[in-house]
Amino acid sequence: MAPLISESRSCSNGKPHVLCFHQDLAPLRTVKVQGPTRGKRFCGCSHWPNSCGFFKWANEEDRVQELQFLLFERDTRIAELEIWIEEFENEVKNLKQVNWKLEVMLQKWPLETLSSWL
């Protein structure tokens, strides 16, 4: 009897890799048994036949992975903005120091010199 499935590459279809419930890569397999699903590709647990029960047809959209990717993009953007905020706060701090130094210098100048500029 021919094997029921065959293993090949991971089930990613150009997207992030699919993990089974063991958190292992779920390989892309092909149905070998006679029937309406023969030849159809699917992802299954890498521990088959002692699997965790994970199964997903290869052509199904994986909304969870899409959302995980969107969360990753959001978290990356948040990290970038936090860095930008920190840099901005440092620049404001530096400008306040420069402003303070200029005010100290102005206080030391004679009033007559300042009034001649106005």
PDB file of N, CA and C in Angstrom:
ATOM      1  N   MET A   1       0.840  -1.179   0.000  1.00  0.00           N
ATOM      2  CA  MET A   1       0.000   0.000   0.000  1.00  0.00           C
ATOM      3  C   MET A   1       0.886   1.244   0.000  1.00  0.00           C
ATOM      4  N   ALA A   2       0.551   2.205  -0.800  1.00  0.00           N
ATOM      5  CA  ALA A   2       1.324   3.452  -0.900  1.00  0.00           C
ATOM      6  C   ALA A   2       1.136   4.285   0.360  1.00  0.00           C
ATOM      7  N   PRO A   3       2.148   5.093   0.697  1.00  0.00           N
ATOM      8  CA  PRO A   3       1.992   5.954   1.874  1.00  0.00           C
ATOM      9  C   PRO A   3       0.835   6.921   1.680  1.00  0.00           C
ATOM     10  N   LEU A   4       0.207   7.296   2.779  1.00  0.00           N
ATOM     11  CA  LEU A   4      -0.947   8.185   2.714  1.00  0.00           C
ATOM     12  C   LEU A   4      -0.548   9.623   2.426  1.00  0.00           C
ATOM     13  N   ILE A   5       0.638   9.993   2.853  1.00  0.00           N
ATOM     14  CA  ILE A   5       1.075  11.372   2.669  1.00  0.00           C
ATOM     15  C   ILE A   5       2.549  11.397   2.304  1.00  0.00           C
ATOM     16  N   SER A   6       2.989  12.505   1.791  1.00  0.00           N
ATOM     17  CA  SER A   6       4.416  12.694   1.543  1.00  0.00           C
ATOM     18  C   SER A   6       4.814  14.040   2.101  1.00  0.00           C
ATOM     19  N   GLU A   7       6.042  14.132   2.581  1.00  0.00           N
ATOM     20  CA  GLU A   7       6.528  15.389   3.137  1.00  0.00           C
ATOM     21  C   GLU A   7       7.356  16.128   2.097  1.00  0.00           C
ATOM     22  N   SER A   8       7.338  17.429   2.172  1.00  0.00           N
ATOM     23  CA  SER A   8       8.233  18.251   1.358  1.00  0.00           C
ATOM     24  C   SER A   8       8.587  19.484   2.170  1.00  0.00           C
ATOM     25  N   ARG A   9       8.592  20.642   1.528  1.00  0.00           N
ATOM     26  CA  ARG A   9       9.007  21.861   2.238  1.00  0.00           C
ATOM     27  C   ARG A   9       7.948  22.280   3.265  1.00  0.00           C
ATOM     28  N   SER A  10       8.310  23.313   4.063  1.00  0.00           N
ATOM     29  CA  SER A  10       7.362  23.789   5.066  1.00  0.00           C
ATOM     30  C   SER A  10       6.191  24.476   4.377  1.00  0.00           C
ATOM     31  N   CYS A  11       5.084  24.529   5.083  1.00  0.00           N
ATOM     32  CA  CYS A  11       3.833  25.053   4.521  1.00  0.00           C
ATOM     33  C   CYS A  11       3.775  26.559   4.687  1.00  0.00           C
ATOM     34  N   SER A  12       4.488  27.273   3.838  1.00  0.00           N
ATOM     35  CA  SER A  12       4.494  28.722   4.013  1.00  0.00           C
ATOM     36  C   SER A  12       3.912  29.457   2.813  1.00  0.00           C
ATOM     37  N   ASN A  13       4.051  28.903   1.627  1.00  0.00           N
ATOM     38  CA  ASN A  13       3.554  29.564   0.415  1.00  0.00           C
ATOM     39  C   ASN A  13       4.011  31.019   0.344  1.00  0.00           C
ATOM     40  N   GLY A  14       5.266  31.264   0.727  1.00  0.00           N
ATOM     41  CA  GLY A  14       5.801  32.609   0.692  1.00  0.00           C
ATOM     42  C   GLY A  14       5.437  33.453   1.901  1.00  0.00           C
ATOM     43  N   LYS A  15       4.683  32.894   2.826  1.00  0.00           N
ATOM     44  CA  LYS A  15       4.275  33.599   4.037  1.00  0.00           C
ATOM     45  C   LYS A  15       5.088  33.071   5.207  1.00  0.00           C
ATOM     46  N   PRO A  16       4.925  33.677   6.387  1.00  0.00           N
ATOM     47  CA  PRO A  16       5.627  33.135   7.556  1.00  0.00           C
ATOM     48  C   PRO A  16       5.284  31.666   7.757  1.00  0.00           C
ATOM     49  N   HIS A  17       6.233  30.898   8.267  1.00  0.00           N
ATOM     50  CA  HIS A  17       6.053  29.465   8.423  1.00  0.00           C
ATOM     51  C   HIS A  17       4.882  29.140   9.335  1.00  0.00           C
ATOM     52  N   VAL A  18       4.207  28.028   9.022  1.00  0.00           N
ATOM     53  CA  VAL A  18       3.090  27.547   9.824  1.00  0.00           C
ATOM     54  C   VAL A  18       3.648  26.618  10.893  1.00  0.00           C
ATOM     55  N   LEU A  19       3.196  26.801  12.131  1.00  0.00           N
ATOM     56  CA  LEU A  19       3.620  25.962  13.232  1.00  0.00           C
ATOM     57  C   LEU A  19       2.456  25.084  13.687  1.00  0.00           C
ATOM     58  N   CYS A  20       2.774  23.845  14.058  1.00  0.00           N
ATOM     59  CA  CYS A  20       1.745  22.966  14.606  1.00  0.00           C
ATOM     60  C   CYS A  20       1.566  23.293  16.081  1.00  0.00           C
ATOM     61  N   PHE A  21       0.710  22.528  16.763  1.00  0.00           N
ATOM     62  CA  PHE A  21       0.456  22.793  18.178  1.00  0.00           C
ATOM     63  C   PHE A  21       1.660  22.461  19.059  1.00  0.00           C
ATOM     64  N   HIS A  22       2.657  21.729  18.517  1.00  0.00           N
ATOM     65  CA  HIS A  22       3.915  21.483  19.237  1.00  0.00           C
ATOM     66  C   HIS A  22       4.865  22.675  19.097  1.00  0.00           C
ATOM     67  N   GLN A  23       4.468  23.669  18.290  1.00  0.00           N
ATOM     68  CA  GLN A  23       5.299  24.822  17.943  1.00  0.00           C
ATOM     69  C   GLN A  23       6.482  24.414  17.069  1.00  0.00           C
ATOM     70  N   ASP A  24       6.313  23.340  16.292  1.00  0.00           N
ATOM     71  CA  ASP A  24       7.294  22.909  15.301  1.00  0.00           C
ATOM     72  C   ASP A  24       6.772  23.286  13.925  1.00  0.00           C
ATOM     73  N   LEU A  25       7.686  23.405  12.946  1.00  0.00           N
ATOM     74  CA  LEU A  25       7.252  23.692  11.582  1.00  0.00           C
ATOM     75  C   LEU A  25       6.324  22.582  11.096  1.00  0.00           C
ATOM     76  N   ALA A  26       5.224  22.983  10.495  1.00  0.00           N
ATOM     77  CA  ALA A  26       4.280  22.012   9.940  1.00  0.00           C
ATOM     78  C   ALA A  26       4.622  21.810   8.468  1.00  0.00           C
ATOM     79  N   PRO A  27       5.148  20.628   8.095  1.00  0.00           N
ATOM     80  CA  PRO A  27       5.558  20.423   6.707  1.00  0.00           C
ATOM     81  C   PRO A  27       4.374  20.381   5.753  1.00  0.00           C
ATOM     82  N   LEU A  28       4.661  20.779   4.528  1.00  0.00           N
ATOM     83  CA  LEU A  28       3.674  20.716   3.461  1.00  0.00           C
ATOM     84  C   LEU A  28       3.630  19.285   2.954  1.00  0.00           C
ATOM     85  N   ARG A  29       2.432  18.721   2.920  1.00  0.00           N
ATOM     86  CA  ARG A  29       2.257  17.322   2.520  1.00  0.00           C
ATOM     87  C   ARG A  29       1.238  17.246   1.392  1.00  0.00           C
ATOM     88  N   THR A  30       1.157  16.073   0.778  1.00  0.00           N
ATOM     89  CA  THR A  30       0.212  15.838  -0.311  1.00  0.00           C
ATOM     90  C   THR A  30      -0.613  14.599  -0.003  1.00  0.00           C
ATOM     91  N   VAL A  31      -1.934  14.706  -0.189  1.00  0.00           N
ATOM     92  CA  VAL A  31      -2.817  13.552   0.023  1.00  0.00           C
ATOM     93  C   VAL A  31      -2.535  12.531  -1.073  1.00  0.00           C
ATOM     94  N   LYS A  32      -2.283  11.247  -0.669  1.00  0.00           N
ATOM     95  CA  LYS A  32      -1.968  10.189  -1.623  1.00  0.00           C
ATOM     96  C   LYS A  32      -3.101   9.180  -1.792  1.00  0.00           C
ATOM     97  N   VAL A  33      -4.062   9.168  -0.866  1.00  0.00           N
ATOM     98  CA  VAL A  33      -5.141   8.181  -0.934  1.00  0.00           C
ATOM     99  C   VAL A  33      -6.120   8.536  -2.044  1.00  0.00           C
ATOM    100  N   GLN A  34      -6.788   7.511  -2.570  1.00  0.00           N
ATOM    101  CA  GLN A  34      -7.817   7.736  -3.595  1.00  0.00           C
ATOM    102  C   GLN A  34      -8.970   8.513  -2.985  1.00  0.00           C
ATOM    103  N   GLY A  35      -9.552   9.401  -3.733  1.00  0.00           N
ATOM    104  CA  GLY A  35     -10.692  10.173  -3.260  1.00  0.00           C
ATOM    105  C   GLY A  35     -10.655  11.586  -3.784  1.00  0.00           C
ATOM    106  N   PRO A  36     -11.619  12.386  -3.407  1.00  0.00           N
ATOM    107  CA  PRO A  36     -11.737  13.740  -3.946  1.00  0.00           C
ATOM    108  C   PRO A  36     -10.605  14.679  -3.514  1.00  0.00           C
ATOM    109  N   THR A  37      -9.893  14.337  -2.456  1.00  0.00           N
ATOM    110  CA  THR A  37      -8.803  15.218  -2.006  1.00  0.00           C
ATOM    111  C   THR A  37      -7.434  14.742  -2.463  1.00  0.00           C
ATOM    112  N   ARG A  38      -7.363  13.665  -3.256  1.00  0.00           N
ATOM    113  CA  ARG A  38      -6.075  13.150  -3.724  1.00  0.00           C
ATOM    114  C   ARG A  38      -5.313  14.249  -4.464  1.00  0.00           C
ATOM    115  N   GLY A  39      -4.045  14.401  -4.120  1.00  0.00           N
ATOM    116  CA  GLY A  39      -3.198  15.413  -4.747  1.00  0.00           C
ATOM    117  C   GLY A  39      -3.271  16.778  -4.085  1.00  0.00           C
ATOM    118  N   LYS A  40      -4.231  16.956  -3.188  1.00  0.00           N
ATOM    119  CA  LYS A  40      -4.378  18.242  -2.532  1.00  0.00           C
ATOM    120  C   LYS A  40      -3.278  18.399  -1.483  1.00  0.00           C
ATOM    121  N   ARG A  41      -2.750  19.625  -1.344  1.00  0.00           N
ATOM    122  CA  ARG A  41      -1.644  19.896  -0.412  1.00  0.00           C
ATOM    123  C   ARG A  41      -2.211  20.382   0.917  1.00  0.00           C
ATOM    124  N   PHE A  42      -1.542  20.001   1.980  1.00  0.00           N
ATOM    125  CA  PHE A  42      -1.957  20.418   3.310  1.00  0.00           C
ATOM    126  C   PHE A  42      -0.753  20.489   4.232  1.00  0.00           C
ATOM    127  N   CYS A  43      -0.906  21.191   5.336  1.00  0.00           N
ATOM    128  CA  CYS A  43       0.105  21.252   6.382  1.00  0.00           C
ATOM    129  C   CYS A  43      -0.374  20.382   7.527  1.00  0.00           C
ATOM    130  N   GLY A  44       0.542  19.593   8.050  1.00  0.00           N
ATOM    131  CA  GLY A  44       0.198  18.746   9.179  1.00  0.00           C
ATOM    132  C   GLY A  44       1.339  18.723  10.177  1.00  0.00           C
ATOM    133  N   CYS A  45       1.049  18.202  11.337  1.00  0.00           N
ATOM    134  CA  CYS A  45       2.048  18.108  12.402  1.00  0.00           C
ATOM    135  C   CYS A  45       3.256  17.325  11.909  1.00  0.00           C
ATOM    136  N   SER A  46       4.442  17.786  12.268  1.00  0.00           N
ATOM    137  CA  SER A  46       5.671  17.111  11.839  1.00  0.00           C
ATOM    138  C   SER A  46       5.883  15.791  12.576  1.00  0.00           C
ATOM    139  N   HIS A  47       5.103  15.538  13.609  1.00  0.00           N
ATOM    140  CA  HIS A  47       5.244  14.295  14.383  1.00  0.00           C
ATOM    141  C   HIS A  47       4.284  13.204  13.895  1.00  0.00           C
ATOM    142  N   TRP A  48       3.705  13.367  12.696  1.00  0.00           N
ATOM    143  CA  TRP A  48       2.760  12.393  12.163  1.00  0.00           C
ATOM    144  C   TRP A  48       3.426  11.022  12.084  1.00  0.00           C
ATOM    145  N   PRO A  49       2.805   9.938  12.442  1.00  0.00           N
ATOM    146  CA  PRO A  49       1.387   9.760  12.763  1.00  0.00           C
ATOM    147  C   PRO A  49       1.049  10.020  14.228  1.00  0.00           C
ATOM    148  N   ASN A  50       2.009  10.315  15.071  1.00  0.00           N
ATOM    149  CA  ASN A  50       1.736  10.653  16.478  1.00  0.00           C
ATOM    150  C   ASN A  50       1.589  12.164  16.603  1.00  0.00           C
ATOM    151  N   SER A  51       0.649  12.718  15.877  1.00  0.00           N
ATOM    152  CA  SER A  51       0.565  14.170  15.746  1.00  0.00           C
ATOM    153  C   SER A  51      -0.229  14.808  16.881  1.00  0.00           C
ATOM    154  N   CYS A  52      -0.135  16.120  16.907  1.00  0.00           N
ATOM    155  CA  CYS A  52      -0.886  16.917  17.878  1.00  0.00           C
ATOM    156  C   CYS A  52      -2.285  17.233  17.362  1.00  0.00           C
ATOM    157  N   GLY A  53      -2.573  16.827  16.142  1.00  0.00           N
ATOM    158  CA  GLY A  53      -3.889  17.066  15.559  1.00  0.00           C
ATOM    159  C   GLY A  53      -3.954  18.297  14.671  1.00  0.00           C
ATOM    160  N   PHE A  54      -2.822  18.980  14.494  1.00  0.00           N
ATOM    161  CA  PHE A  54      -2.829  20.175  13.653  1.00  0.00           C
ATOM    162  C   PHE A  54      -3.038  19.784  12.200  1.00  0.00           C
ATOM    163  N   PHE A  55      -3.910  20.529  11.491  1.00  0.00           N
ATOM    164  CA  PHE A  55      -4.180  20.293  10.073  1.00  0.00           C
ATOM    165  C   PHE A  55      -4.663  21.598   9.464  1.00  0.00           C
ATOM    166  N   LYS A  56      -4.164  21.894   8.271  1.00  0.00           N
ATOM    167  CA  LYS A  56      -4.621  23.070   7.532  1.00  0.00           C
ATOM    168  C   LYS A  56      -4.358  22.830   6.051  1.00  0.00           C
ATOM    169  N   TRP A  57      -5.397  23.010   5.231  1.00  0.00           N
ATOM    170  CA  TRP A  57      -5.190  22.910   3.792  1.00  0.00           C
ATOM    171  C   TRP A  57      -4.238  24.014   3.357  1.00  0.00           C
ATOM    172  N   ALA A  58      -3.359  23.702   2.416  1.00  0.00           N
ATOM    173  CA  ALA A  58      -2.314  24.641   1.996  1.00  0.00           C
ATOM    174  C   ALA A  58      -2.869  25.894   1.338  1.00  0.00           C
ATOM    175  N   ASN A  59      -4.009  25.809   0.701  1.00  0.00           N
ATOM    176  CA  ASN A  59      -4.526  26.979  -0.005  1.00  0.00           C
ATOM    177  C   ASN A  59      -5.448  27.831   0.854  1.00  0.00           C
ATOM    178  N   GLU A  60      -5.649  27.462   2.123  1.00  0.00           N
ATOM    179  CA  GLU A  60      -6.481  28.271   3.002  1.00  0.00           C
ATOM    180  C   GLU A  60      -5.693  29.503   3.455  1.00  0.00           C
ATOM    181  N   GLU A  61      -6.375  30.601   3.564  1.00  0.00           N
ATOM    182  CA  GLU A  61      -5.743  31.798   4.112  1.00  0.00           C
ATOM    183  C   GLU A  61      -5.614  31.614   5.612  1.00  0.00           C
ATOM    184  N   ASP A  62      -4.477  31.960   6.138  1.00  0.00           N
ATOM    185  CA  ASP A  62      -4.241  31.805   7.562  1.00  0.00           C
ATOM    186  C   ASP A  62      -4.363  33.167   8.226  1.00  0.00           C
ATOM    187  N   ARG A  63      -5.554  33.475   8.696  1.00  0.00           N
ATOM    188  CA  ARG A  63      -5.853  34.775   9.295  1.00  0.00           C
ATOM    189  C   ARG A  63      -4.993  35.025  10.545  1.00  0.00           C
ATOM    190  N   VAL A  64      -4.722  33.994  11.307  1.00  0.00           N
ATOM    191  CA  VAL A  64      -3.919  34.145  12.522  1.00  0.00           C
ATOM    192  C   VAL A  64      -2.528  34.647  12.161  1.00  0.00           C
ATOM    193  N   GLN A  65      -1.903  34.050  11.156  1.00  0.00           N
ATOM    194  CA  GLN A  65      -0.569  34.500  10.745  1.00  0.00           C
ATOM    195  C   GLN A  65      -0.606  35.920  10.212  1.00  0.00           C
ATOM    196  N   GLU A  66      -1.650  36.236   9.476  1.00  0.00           N
ATOM    197  CA  GLU A  66      -1.775  37.592   8.951  1.00  0.00           C
ATOM    198  C   GLU A  66      -1.867  38.596  10.100  1.00  0.00           C
ATOM    199  N   LEU A  67      -2.662  38.263  11.116  1.00  0.00           N
ATOM    200  CA  LEU A  67      -2.796  39.147  12.265  1.00  0.00           C
ATOM    201  C   LEU A  67      -1.499  39.218  13.065  1.00  0.00           C
ATOM    202  N   GLN A  68      -0.797  38.085  13.189  1.00  0.00           N
ATOM    203  CA  GLN A  68       0.485  38.094  13.884  1.00  0.00           C
ATOM    204  C   GLN A  68       1.475  39.001  13.161  1.00  0.00           C
ATOM    205  N   PHE A  69       1.469  38.957  11.838  1.00  0.00           N
ATOM    206  CA  PHE A  69       2.363  39.812  11.058  1.00  0.00           C
ATOM    207  C   PHE A  69       1.992  41.284  11.243  1.00  0.00           C
ATOM    208  N   LEU A  70       0.680  41.579  11.245  1.00  0.00           N
ATOM    209  CA  LEU A  70       0.246  42.959  11.466  1.00  0.00           C
ATOM    210  C   LEU A  70       0.648  43.447  12.857  1.00  0.00           C
ATOM    211  N   LEU A  71       0.559  42.572  13.848  1.00  0.00           N
ATOM    212  CA  LEU A  71       0.997  42.932  15.196  1.00  0.00           C
ATOM    213  C   LEU A  71       2.498  43.198  15.222  1.00  0.00           C
ATOM    214  N   PHE A  72       3.253  42.364  14.513  1.00  0.00           N
ATOM    215  CA  PHE A  72       4.699  42.566  14.429  1.00  0.00           C
ATOM    216  C   PHE A  72       5.008  43.921  13.792  1.00  0.00           C
ATOM    217  N   GLU A  73       4.317  44.249  12.695  1.00  0.00           N
ATOM    218  CA  GLU A  73       4.526  45.545  12.044  1.00  0.00           C
ATOM    219  C   GLU A  73       4.167  46.692  12.984  1.00  0.00           C
ATOM    220  N   ARG A  74       3.049  46.536  13.712  1.00  0.00           N
ATOM    221  CA  ARG A  74       2.629  47.571  14.653  1.00  0.00           C
ATOM    222  C   ARG A  74       3.673  47.748  15.753  1.00  0.00           C
ATOM    223  N   ASP A  75       4.141  46.636  16.320  1.00  0.00           N
ATOM    224  CA  ASP A  75       5.132  46.708  17.388  1.00  0.00           C
ATOM    225  C   ASP A  75       6.435  47.334  16.902  1.00  0.00           C
ATOM    226  N   THR A  76       6.812  47.017  15.655  1.00  0.00           N
ATOM    227  CA  THR A  76       8.012  47.612  15.072  1.00  0.00           C
ATOM    228  C   THR A  76       7.842  49.120  14.926  1.00  0.00           C
ATOM    229  N   ARG A  77       6.679  49.536  14.453  1.00  0.00           N
ATOM    230  CA  ARG A  77       6.406  50.971  14.283  1.00  0.00           C
ATOM    231  C   ARG A  77       6.409  51.681  15.634  1.00  0.00           C
ATOM    232  N   ILE A  78       5.828  51.039  16.655  1.00  0.00           N
ATOM    233  CA  ILE A  78       5.813  51.621  17.996  1.00  0.00           C
ATOM    234  C   ILE A  78       7.249  51.794  18.497  1.00  0.00           C
ATOM    235  N   ALA A  79       8.086  50.774  18.292  1.00  0.00           N
ATOM    236  CA  ALA A  79       9.487  50.853  18.726  1.00  0.00           C
ATOM    237  C   ALA A  79      10.207  51.989  18.003  1.00  0.00           C
ATOM    238  N   GLU A  80       9.952  52.127  16.707  1.00  0.00           N
ATOM    239  CA  GLU A  80      10.564  53.219  15.947  1.00  0.00           C
ATOM    240  C   GLU A  80      10.124  54.576  16.483  1.00  0.00           C
ATOM    241  N   LEU A  81       8.827  54.712  16.797  1.00  0.00           N
ATOM    242  CA  LEU A  81       8.313  55.973  17.321  1.00  0.00           C
ATOM    243  C   LEU A  81       8.862  56.266  18.719  1.00  0.00           C
ATOM    244  N   GLU A  82       9.027  55.228  19.525  1.00  0.00           N
ATOM    245  CA  GLU A  82       9.612  55.434  20.858  1.00  0.00           C
ATOM    246  C   GLU A  82      11.046  55.948  20.755  1.00  0.00           C
ATOM    247  N   ILE A  83      11.794  55.418  19.789  1.00  0.00           N
ATOM    248  CA  ILE A  83      13.166  55.902  19.562  1.00  0.00           C
ATOM    249  C   ILE A  83      13.127  57.357  19.103  1.00  0.00           C
ATOM    250  N   TRP A  84      12.206  57.665  18.190  1.00  0.00           N
ATOM    251  CA  TRP A  84      12.070  59.038  17.696  1.00  0.00           C
ATOM    252  C   TRP A  84      11.713  59.982  18.843  1.00  0.00           C
ATOM    253  N   ILE A  85      10.804  59.569  19.714  1.00  0.00           N
ATOM    254  CA  ILE A  85      10.401  60.396  20.857  1.00  0.00           C
ATOM    255  C   ILE A  85      11.585  60.642  21.777  1.00  0.00           C
ATOM    256  N   GLU A  86      12.361  59.595  22.043  1.00  0.00           N
ATOM    257  CA  GLU A  86      13.538  59.741  22.905  1.00  0.00           C
ATOM    258  C   GLU A  86      14.537  60.729  22.295  1.00  0.00           C
ATOM    259  N   GLU A  87      14.775  60.612  20.987  1.00  0.00           N
ATOM    260  CA  GLU A  87      15.688  61.540  20.312  1.00  0.00           C
ATOM    261  C   GLU A  87      15.149  62.968  20.366  1.00  0.00           C
ATOM    262  N   PHE A  88      13.852  63.114  20.174  1.00  0.00           N
ATOM    263  CA  PHE A  88      13.212  64.428  20.219  1.00  0.00           C
ATOM    264  C   PHE A  88      13.327  65.027  21.620  1.00  0.00           C
ATOM    265  N   GLU A  89      13.066  64.214  22.649  1.00  0.00           N
ATOM    266  CA  GLU A  89      13.178  64.685  24.030  1.00  0.00           C
ATOM    267  C   GLU A  89      14.613  65.105  24.348  1.00  0.00           C
ATOM    268  N   ASN A  90      15.587  64.352  23.853  1.00  0.00           N
ATOM    269  CA  ASN A  90      16.994  64.731  24.059  1.00  0.00           C
ATOM    270  C   ASN A  90      17.311  66.054  23.374  1.00  0.00           C
ATOM    271  N   GLU A  91      16.781  66.261  22.190  1.00  0.00           N
ATOM    272  CA  GLU A  91      17.007  67.514  21.468  1.00  0.00           C
ATOM    273  C   GLU A  91      16.373  68.684  22.212  1.00  0.00           C
ATOM    274  N   VAL A  92      15.160  68.479  22.729  1.00  0.00           N
ATOM    275  CA  VAL A  92      14.498  69.528  23.519  1.00  0.00           C
ATOM    276  C   VAL A  92      15.334  69.847  24.755  1.00  0.00           C
ATOM    277  N   LYS A  93      15.835  68.813  25.418  1.00  0.00           N
ATOM    278  CA  LYS A  93      16.680  69.010  26.606  1.00  0.00           C
ATOM    279  C   LYS A  93      17.927  69.825  26.251  1.00  0.00           C
ATOM    280  N   ASN A  94      18.569  69.474  25.143  1.00  0.00           N
ATOM    281  CA  ASN A  94      19.761  70.207  24.701  1.00  0.00           C
ATOM    282  C   ASN A  94      19.435  71.660  24.384  1.00  0.00           C
ATOM    283  N   LEU A  95      18.312  71.894  23.734  1.00  0.00           N
ATOM    284  CA  LEU A  95      17.915  73.270  23.400  1.00  0.00           C
ATOM    285  C   LEU A  95      17.594  74.077  24.650  1.00  0.00           C
ATOM    286  N   LYS A  96      17.005  73.441  25.639  1.00  0.00           N
ATOM    287  CA  LYS A  96      16.731  74.136  26.909  1.00  0.00           C
ATOM    288  C   LYS A  96      18.038  74.529  27.593  1.00  0.00           C
ATOM    289  N   GLN A  97      19.042  73.652  27.521  1.00  0.00           N
ATOM    290  CA  GLN A  97      20.342  73.970  28.111  1.00  0.00           C
ATOM    291  C   GLN A  97      20.995  75.153  27.388  1.00  0.00           C
ATOM    292  N   VAL A  98      20.906  75.143  26.063  1.00  0.00           N
ATOM    293  CA  VAL A  98      21.461  76.253  25.276  1.00  0.00           C
ATOM    294  C   VAL A  98      20.715  77.540  25.623  1.00  0.00           C
ATOM    295  N   ASN A  99      19.413  77.463  25.731  1.00  0.00           N
ATOM    296  CA  ASN A  99      18.597  78.634  26.074  1.00  0.00           C
ATOM    297  C   ASN A  99      18.991  79.173  27.452  1.00  0.00           C
ATOM    298  N   TRP A 100      19.161  78.270  28.398  1.00  0.00           N
ATOM    299  CA  TRP A 100      19.558  78.689  29.753  1.00  0.00           C
ATOM    300  C   TRP A 100      20.914  79.400  29.720  1.00  0.00           C
ATOM    301  N   LYS A 101      21.868  78.838  28.985  1.00  0.00           N
ATOM    302  CA  LYS A 101      23.198  79.446  28.878  1.00  0.00           C
ATOM    303  C   LYS A 101      23.114  80.835  28.257  1.00  0.00           C
ATOM    304  N   LEU A 102      22.285  80.976  27.234  1.00  0.00           N
ATOM    305  CA  LEU A 102      22.123  82.287  26.583  1.00  0.00           C
ATOM    306  C   LEU A 102      21.493  83.293  27.533  1.00  0.00           C
ATOM    307  N   GLU A 103      20.522  82.839  28.325  1.00  0.00           N
ATOM    308  CA  GLU A 103      19.905  83.751  29.295  1.00  0.00           C
ATOM    309  C   GLU A 103      20.920  84.201  30.337  1.00  0.00           C
ATOM    310  N   VAL A 104      21.767  83.297  30.790  1.00  0.00           N
ATOM    311  CA  VAL A 104      22.815  83.655  31.755  1.00  0.00           C
ATOM    312  C   VAL A 104      23.757  84.673  31.138  1.00  0.00           C
ATOM    313  N   MET A 105      24.154  84.450  29.895  1.00  0.00           N
ATOM    314  CA  MET A 105      25.052  85.391  29.211  1.00  0.00           C
ATOM    315  C   MET A 105      24.392  86.758  29.071  1.00  0.00           C
ATOM    316  N   LEU A 106      23.111  86.805  28.742  1.00  0.00           N
ATOM    317  CA  LEU A 106      22.401  88.077  28.586  1.00  0.00           C
ATOM    318  C   LEU A 106      22.330  88.840  29.899  1.00  0.00           C
ATOM    319  N   GLN A 107      22.165  88.117  30.984  1.00  0.00           N
ATOM    320  CA  GLN A 107      22.080  88.770  32.294  1.00  0.00           C
ATOM    321  C   GLN A 107      23.404  89.425  32.673  1.00  0.00           C
ATOM    322  N   LYS A 108      24.499  88.938  32.156  1.00  0.00           N
ATOM    323  CA  LYS A 108      25.819  89.487  32.483  1.00  0.00           C
ATOM    324  C   LYS A 108      26.160  90.719  31.649  1.00  0.00           C
ATOM    325  N   TRP A 109      25.499  90.922  30.539  1.00  0.00           N
ATOM    326  CA  TRP A 109      25.806  92.057  29.686  1.00  0.00           C
ATOM    327  C   TRP A 109      25.214  93.330  30.289  1.00  0.00           C
ATOM    328  N   PRO A 110      25.907  94.420  30.060  1.00  0.00           N
ATOM    329  CA  PRO A 110      25.375  95.693  30.572  1.00  0.00           C
ATOM    330  C   PRO A 110      24.099  96.088  29.823  1.00  0.00           C
ATOM    331  N   LEU A 111      23.207  96.717  30.540  1.00  0.00           N
ATOM    332  CA  LEU A 111      21.920  97.113  29.968  1.00  0.00           C
ATOM    333  C   LEU A 111      22.085  98.097  28.813  1.00  0.00           C
ATOM    334  N   GLU A 112      23.092  98.944  28.887  1.00  0.00           N
ATOM    335  CA  GLU A 112      23.312  99.925  27.828  1.00  0.00           C
ATOM    336  C   GLU A 112      23.612  99.242  26.489  1.00  0.00           C
ATOM    337  N   THR A 113      24.376  98.149  26.537  1.00  0.00           N
ATOM    338  CA  THR A 113      24.722  97.421  25.313  1.00  0.00           C
ATOM    339  C   THR A 113      23.484  96.798  24.692  1.00  0.00           C
ATOM    340  N   LEU A 114      22.638  96.239  25.534  1.00  0.00           N
ATOM    341  CA  LEU A 114      21.418  95.616  25.054  1.00  0.00           C
ATOM    342  C   LEU A 114      20.458  96.644  24.464  1.00  0.00           C
ATOM    343  N   SER A 115      20.311  97.770  25.110  1.00  0.00           N
ATOM    344  CA  SER A 115      19.363  98.781  24.636  1.00  0.00           C
ATOM    345  C   SER A 115      19.816  99.401  23.306  1.00  0.00           C
ATOM    346  N   SER A 116      21.113  99.412  23.063  1.00  0.00           N
ATOM    347  CA  SER A 116      21.597  99.945  21.786  1.00  0.00           C
ATOM    348  C   SER A 116      21.238  99.038  20.626  1.00  0.00           C
ATOM    349  N   TRP A 117      21.011  97.775  20.898  1.00  0.00           N
ATOM    350  CA  TRP A 117      20.616  96.838  19.845  1.00  0.00           C
ATOM    351  C   TRP A 117      19.150  97.002  19.474  1.00  0.00           C
ATOM    352  N   LEU A 118      18.383  97.495  20.386  1.00  0.00           N
ATOM    353  CA  LEU A 118      16.951  97.648  20.149  1.00  0.00           C
ATOM    354  C   LEU A 118      16.705  98.940  19.490  1.00  0.00           C
TER     355      LEU A 118
END
